[in-house]
Amino acid sequence: MATQYALRATAHSTMKLSPGELAFGRNMLNPFSTQINWDELLKRKQETIDRYNFKENSNRLDFDYKIGDKVLILNKTTFRNKLDPSTLPEGPWEIKQVHANGTVSIQRNDYLERMNIRRLRPFFM
């Protein structure tokens, strides 16, 4: 009972309001009604999302893949030794088609395989 009350009364870091205030329109600690500005709340939430998205993408390499480029596929083994190669030993593979949703089709052996660009690294000779 006390845990539920604590969760409902604690203010969220982004929204600056507690879940109880959002659900019931009242402060859970004091018997006062709360006016909630939903537009301001959504704006503040989107600003937080944009800030964290910018922070995450700041370390990303800015590279545009083109048809004919050579790429290496990252080794996605979960428990990889630090001395193991970070890419698959086969390759490089040639890009045959670039899609608008962040994927590319590569010629891998005898078939075309569609992969997300996060799994690829450009191959420079």
C-alpha atoms as a PDB file:
ATOM      1  CA  MET A   1       0.000   0.000   0.000  1.00  0.00           C
ATOM      2  CA  ALA A   2       2.771   2.443   0.912  1.00  0.00           C
ATOM      3  CA  THR A   3       4.749   1.472  -2.199  1.00  0.00           C
ATOM      4  CA  GLN A   4       1.795   2.167  -4.472  1.00  0.00           C
ATOM      5  CA  TYR A   5       1.290   5.540  -2.824  1.00  0.00           C
ATOM      6  CA  ALA A   6       4.984   6.389  -3.208  1.00  0.00           C
ATOM      7  CA  LEU A   7       4.927   5.489  -6.912  1.00  0.00           C
ATOM      8  CA  ARG A   8       1.812   7.548  -7.554  1.00  0.00           C
ATOM      9  CA  ALA A   9       3.076  10.546  -5.594  1.00  0.00           C
ATOM     10  CA  THR A  10       6.610  10.755  -7.037  1.00  0.00           C
ATOM     11  CA  ALA A  11       7.036  13.308  -9.814  1.00  0.00           C
ATOM     12  CA  HIS A  12       8.319  12.091 -13.190  1.00  0.00           C
ATOM     13  CA  SER A  13      11.604  13.708 -14.257  1.00  0.00           C
ATOM     14  CA  THR A  14      10.404  14.670 -17.749  1.00  0.00           C
ATOM     15  CA  MET A  15       6.784  15.510 -17.048  1.00  0.00           C
ATOM     16  CA  LYS A  16       7.386  17.203 -13.675  1.00  0.00           C
ATOM     17  CA  LEU A  17       4.095  15.709 -12.473  1.00  0.00           C
ATOM     18  CA  SER A  18       3.255  12.507 -10.667  1.00  0.00           C
ATOM     19  CA  PRO A  19       1.187   9.757 -12.315  1.00  0.00           C
ATOM     20  CA  GLY A  20      -1.508  10.384  -9.721  1.00  0.00           C
ATOM     21  CA  GLU A  21      -1.739  14.041 -10.735  1.00  0.00           C
ATOM     22  CA  LEU A  22      -2.032  13.069 -14.379  1.00  0.00           C
ATOM     23  CA  ALA A  23      -4.691  10.419 -13.726  1.00  0.00           C
ATOM     24  CA  PHE A  24      -6.826  12.182 -11.133  1.00  0.00           C
ATOM     25  CA  GLY A  25      -6.040  15.876 -11.646  1.00  0.00           C
ATOM     26  CA  ARG A  26      -5.102  16.288  -7.981  1.00  0.00           C
ATOM     27  CA  ASN A  27      -1.894  16.497  -6.006  1.00  0.00           C
ATOM     28  CA  MET A  28      -1.427  13.208  -4.149  1.00  0.00           C
ATOM     29  CA  LEU A  29       0.316  14.759  -1.141  1.00  0.00           C
ATOM     30  CA  ASN A  30      -1.842  17.856  -0.678  1.00  0.00           C
ATOM     31  CA  PRO A  31      -5.577  18.064  -1.337  1.00  0.00           C
ATOM     32  CA  PHE A  32      -5.243  20.581  -4.191  1.00  0.00           C
ATOM     33  CA  SER A  33      -6.496  20.198  -7.702  1.00  0.00           C
ATOM     34  CA  THR A  34      -3.912  20.482 -10.477  1.00  0.00           C
ATOM     35  CA  GLN A  35      -4.410  22.105 -13.872  1.00  0.00           C
ATOM     36  CA  ILE A  36      -2.570  20.050 -16.464  1.00  0.00           C
ATOM     37  CA  ASN A  37      -1.417  21.744 -19.657  1.00  0.00           C
ATOM     38  CA  TRP A  38      -1.239  18.733 -21.997  1.00  0.00           C
ATOM     39  CA  ASP A  39       0.285  20.729 -24.869  1.00  0.00           C
ATOM     40  CA  GLU A  40       3.169  21.927 -22.689  1.00  0.00           C
ATOM     41  CA  LEU A  41       3.579  18.405 -21.307  1.00  0.00           C
ATOM     42  CA  LEU A  42       3.837  16.857 -24.787  1.00  0.00           C
ATOM     43  CA  LYS A  43       6.223  19.620 -25.917  1.00  0.00           C
ATOM     44  CA  ARG A  44       8.538  19.013 -22.943  1.00  0.00           C
ATOM     45  CA  LYS A  45       8.433  15.246 -23.560  1.00  0.00           C
ATOM     46  CA  GLN A  46       9.326  15.707 -27.250  1.00  0.00           C
ATOM     47  CA  GLU A  47      12.206  18.045 -26.335  1.00  0.00           C
ATOM     48  CA  THR A  48      13.590  15.369 -24.005  1.00  0.00           C
ATOM     49  CA  ILE A  49      13.276  12.719 -26.726  1.00  0.00           C
ATOM     50  CA  ASP A  50      15.036  14.978 -29.243  1.00  0.00           C
ATOM     51  CA  ARG A  51      17.853  15.781 -26.794  1.00  0.00           C
ATOM     52  CA  TYR A  52      18.563  12.103 -26.053  1.00  0.00           C
ATOM     53  CA  ASN A  53      18.267  11.204 -29.742  1.00  0.00           C
ATOM     54  CA  PHE A  54      20.831  13.881 -30.645  1.00  0.00           C
ATOM     55  CA  LYS A  55      23.148  12.631 -27.881  1.00  0.00           C
ATOM     56  CA  GLU A  56      22.892   9.036 -29.108  1.00  0.00           C
ATOM     57  CA  ASN A  57      23.490   9.956 -32.750  1.00  0.00           C
ATOM     58  CA  SER A  58      26.405  12.319 -32.057  1.00  0.00           C
ATOM     59  CA  ASN A  59      28.908   9.417 -32.139  1.00  0.00           C
ATOM     60  CA  ARG A  60      27.492   7.908 -35.321  1.00  0.00           C
ATOM     61  CA  LEU A  61      29.499   8.042 -38.523  1.00  0.00           C
ATOM     62  CA  ASP A  62      27.817  10.130 -41.206  1.00  0.00           C
ATOM     63  CA  PHE A  63      28.074   7.897 -44.253  1.00  0.00           C
ATOM     64  CA  ASP A  64      25.694   7.543 -47.197  1.00  0.00           C
ATOM     65  CA  TYR A  65      25.714   4.119 -48.816  1.00  0.00           C
ATOM     66  CA  LYS A  66      25.515   3.962 -52.617  1.00  0.00           C
ATOM     67  CA  ILE A  67      24.961   1.174 -55.094  1.00  0.00           C
ATOM     68  CA  GLY A  68      28.280  -0.522 -55.808  1.00  0.00           C
ATOM     69  CA  ASP A  69      29.874   0.298 -52.413  1.00  0.00           C
ATOM     70  CA  LYS A  70      31.585  -2.534 -50.559  1.00  0.00           C
ATOM     71  CA  VAL A  71      30.578  -3.252 -46.952  1.00  0.00           C
ATOM     72  CA  LEU A  72      31.505  -5.555 -44.087  1.00  0.00           C
ATOM     73  CA  ILE A  73      28.887  -7.144 -41.821  1.00  0.00           C
ATOM     74  CA  LEU A  74      29.369  -6.743 -38.070  1.00  0.00           C
ATOM     75  CA  ASN A  75      29.776  -9.910 -36.031  1.00  0.00           C
ATOM     76  CA  LYS A  76      26.718  -9.909 -33.778  1.00  0.00           C
ATOM     77  CA  THR A  77      27.723 -12.730 -31.463  1.00  0.00           C
ATOM     78  CA  THR A  78      26.478 -11.860 -27.990  1.00  0.00           C
ATOM     79  CA  PHE A  79      29.386 -13.308 -26.017  1.00  0.00           C
ATOM     80  CA  ARG A  80      32.300 -12.300 -28.206  1.00  0.00           C
ATOM     81  CA  ASN A  81      35.870 -12.379 -26.998  1.00  0.00           C
ATOM     82  CA  LYS A  82      37.577  -8.995 -27.350  1.00  0.00           C
ATOM     83  CA  LEU A  83      40.208 -10.562 -29.600  1.00  0.00           C
ATOM     84  CA  ASP A  84      37.587 -11.957 -31.994  1.00  0.00           C
ATOM     85  CA  PRO A  85      37.067  -9.939 -35.179  1.00  0.00           C
ATOM     86  CA  SER A  86      34.306  -7.339 -35.045  1.00  0.00           C
ATOM     87  CA  THR A  87      33.191  -8.194 -38.582  1.00  0.00           C
ATOM     88  CA  LEU A  88      32.458 -11.497 -40.259  1.00  0.00           C
ATOM     89  CA  PRO A  89      35.573 -13.036 -41.852  1.00  0.00           C
ATOM     90  CA  GLU A  90      33.872 -13.362 -45.261  1.00  0.00           C
ATOM     91  CA  GLY A  91      33.359 -10.334 -47.423  1.00  0.00           C
ATOM     92  CA  PRO A  92      33.394  -7.549 -48.443  1.00  0.00           C
ATOM     93  CA  TRP A  93      29.975  -7.602 -50.092  1.00  0.00           C
ATOM     94  CA  GLU A  94      28.617  -5.272 -52.740  1.00  0.00           C
ATOM     95  CA  ILE A  95      25.496  -3.139 -52.238  1.00  0.00           C
ATOM     96  CA  LYS A  96      22.947  -3.787 -54.971  1.00  0.00           C
ATOM     97  CA  GLN A  97      20.099  -1.545 -53.768  1.00  0.00           C
ATOM     98  CA  VAL A  98      19.657   1.212 -51.160  1.00  0.00           C
ATOM     99  CA  HIS A  99      16.228   1.485 -49.512  1.00  0.00           C
ATOM    100  CA  ALA A 100      14.697   4.577 -47.906  1.00  0.00           C
ATOM    101  CA  ASN A 101      14.001   2.924 -44.539  1.00  0.00           C
ATOM    102  CA  GLY A 102      17.659   2.517 -43.485  1.00  0.00           C
ATOM    103  CA  THR A 103      18.252  -0.861 -45.090  1.00  0.00           C
ATOM    104  CA  VAL A 104      20.325  -1.985 -48.067  1.00  0.00           C
ATOM    105  CA  SER A 105      20.276  -5.103 -50.220  1.00  0.00           C
ATOM    106  CA  ILE A 106      23.672  -6.752 -50.572  1.00  0.00           C
ATOM    107  CA  GLN A 107      24.822  -9.537 -52.868  1.00  0.00           C
ATOM    108  CA  ARG A 108      25.799 -12.289 -50.453  1.00  0.00           C
ATOM    109  CA  ASN A 109      26.961 -15.439 -52.210  1.00  0.00           C
ATOM    110  CA  ASP A 110      24.112 -16.415 -54.583  1.00  0.00           C
ATOM    111  CA  TYR A 111      21.275 -14.353 -53.093  1.00  0.00           C
ATOM    112  CA  LEU A 112      20.294 -10.784 -52.207  1.00  0.00           C
ATOM    113  CA  GLU A 113      20.015 -10.133 -48.491  1.00  0.00           C
ATOM    114  CA  ARG A 114      18.370  -7.056 -47.003  1.00  0.00           C
ATOM    115  CA  MET A 115      20.162  -5.669 -43.925  1.00  0.00           C
ATOM    116  CA  ASN A 116      19.912  -2.703 -41.636  1.00  0.00           C
ATOM    117  CA  ILE A 117      22.758  -0.219 -42.067  1.00  0.00           C
ATOM    118  CA  ARG A 118      23.513  -0.435 -38.330  1.00  0.00           C
ATOM    119  CA  ARG A 119      24.896  -3.947 -38.965  1.00  0.00           C
ATOM    120  CA  LEU A 120      27.232  -2.727 -41.708  1.00  0.00           C
ATOM    121  CA  ARG A 121      30.556  -0.935 -41.863  1.00  0.00           C
ATOM    122  CA  PRO A 122      31.975   0.637 -45.027  1.00  0.00           C
ATOM    123  CA  PHE A 123      34.870  -1.240 -46.565  1.00  0.00           C
ATOM    124  CA  PHE A 124      37.758   1.010 -47.613  1.00  0.00           C
ATOM    125  CA  MET A 125      40.571  -0.482 -49.675  1.00  0.00           C
END
